[in-house]
Protein backbone atom coordinates (compact mmCIF):
# COMPACT_ATOMS: atom_id res chain seq x y z
CA MET A 1 0.00 0.00 0.00
CA LYS A 2 2.82 2.42 0.86
CA LYS A 3 4.57 1.69 -2.44
CA LEU A 4 1.39 2.53 -4.35
CA LYS A 5 1.09 5.88 -2.58
CA ALA A 6 4.73 6.66 -3.35
CA LEU A 7 4.19 5.80 -7.01
CA LYS A 8 1.15 8.07 -7.12
CA ALA A 9 3.08 10.91 -5.48
CA LEU A 10 5.98 10.59 -7.91
CA PRO A 11 4.29 12.11 -10.99
CA LEU A 12 2.99 15.00 -8.90
CA ALA A 13 6.45 15.79 -7.54
CA TYR A 14 7.91 15.40 -11.04
CA SER A 15 5.39 17.77 -12.63
CA THR A 16 5.94 20.32 -9.86
CA PHE A 17 9.69 20.05 -10.37
CA LEU A 18 9.25 20.40 -14.13
CA GLN A 19 7.09 23.50 -13.72
CA GLY A 20 9.70 25.03 -11.43
CA MET A 21 12.45 24.32 -13.94
CA ILE A 22 10.44 25.82 -16.81
CA PHE A 23 9.56 28.89 -14.74
CA SER A 24 13.15 29.52 -13.62
CA GLY A 25 14.45 29.00 -17.14
CA PHE A 26 11.84 31.38 -18.55
CA SER A 27 12.55 34.12 -16.00
CA ARG A 28 16.29 33.75 -16.60
CA TYR A 29 15.68 34.08 -20.36
CA LEU A 30 13.60 37.22 -19.81
CA LEU A 31 16.39 38.76 -17.71
CA LEU A 32 18.94 37.97 -20.41
CA ALA A 33 16.71 39.46 -23.09
CA LYS A 34 16.28 42.64 -21.06
CA ARG A 35 20.04 42.96 -20.55
CA LEU A 36 20.70 42.36 -24.24
CA ARG A 37 18.18 45.02 -25.23
CA ILE A 38 19.85 47.56 -22.91
CA LYS A 39 23.28 46.67 -24.34
CA LEU A 40 21.97 47.07 -27.89
CA LYS A 41 20.48 50.46 -27.08
CA ARG A 42 23.82 51.62 -25.65
CA LEU A 43 25.71 50.30 -28.67
CA LYS A 44 23.32 52.06 -31.04
CA ALA A 45 23.72 55.31 -29.09
CA ASP A 46 27.52 55.03 -29.21
CA TYR A 47 27.37 54.21 -32.93
CA SER A 48 25.16 57.20 -33.78
CA MET A 49 27.42 59.47 -31.72
CA LYS A 50 30.45 58.28 -33.69
CA ILE A 51 28.68 58.85 -37.01
CA GLN A 52 27.73 62.40 -36.06
């Protein structure tokens, strides 16, 4: 009986773990995208300053 309960709890724990992984990966990606956008803006500003 205990083994059955453990087997039933396994998918739940796995899905929770998977959701956490996806969420952390997504938030990390968003942070990287934000940083990249800021860097690109700075580069564009420097570039336009050099042209002028």
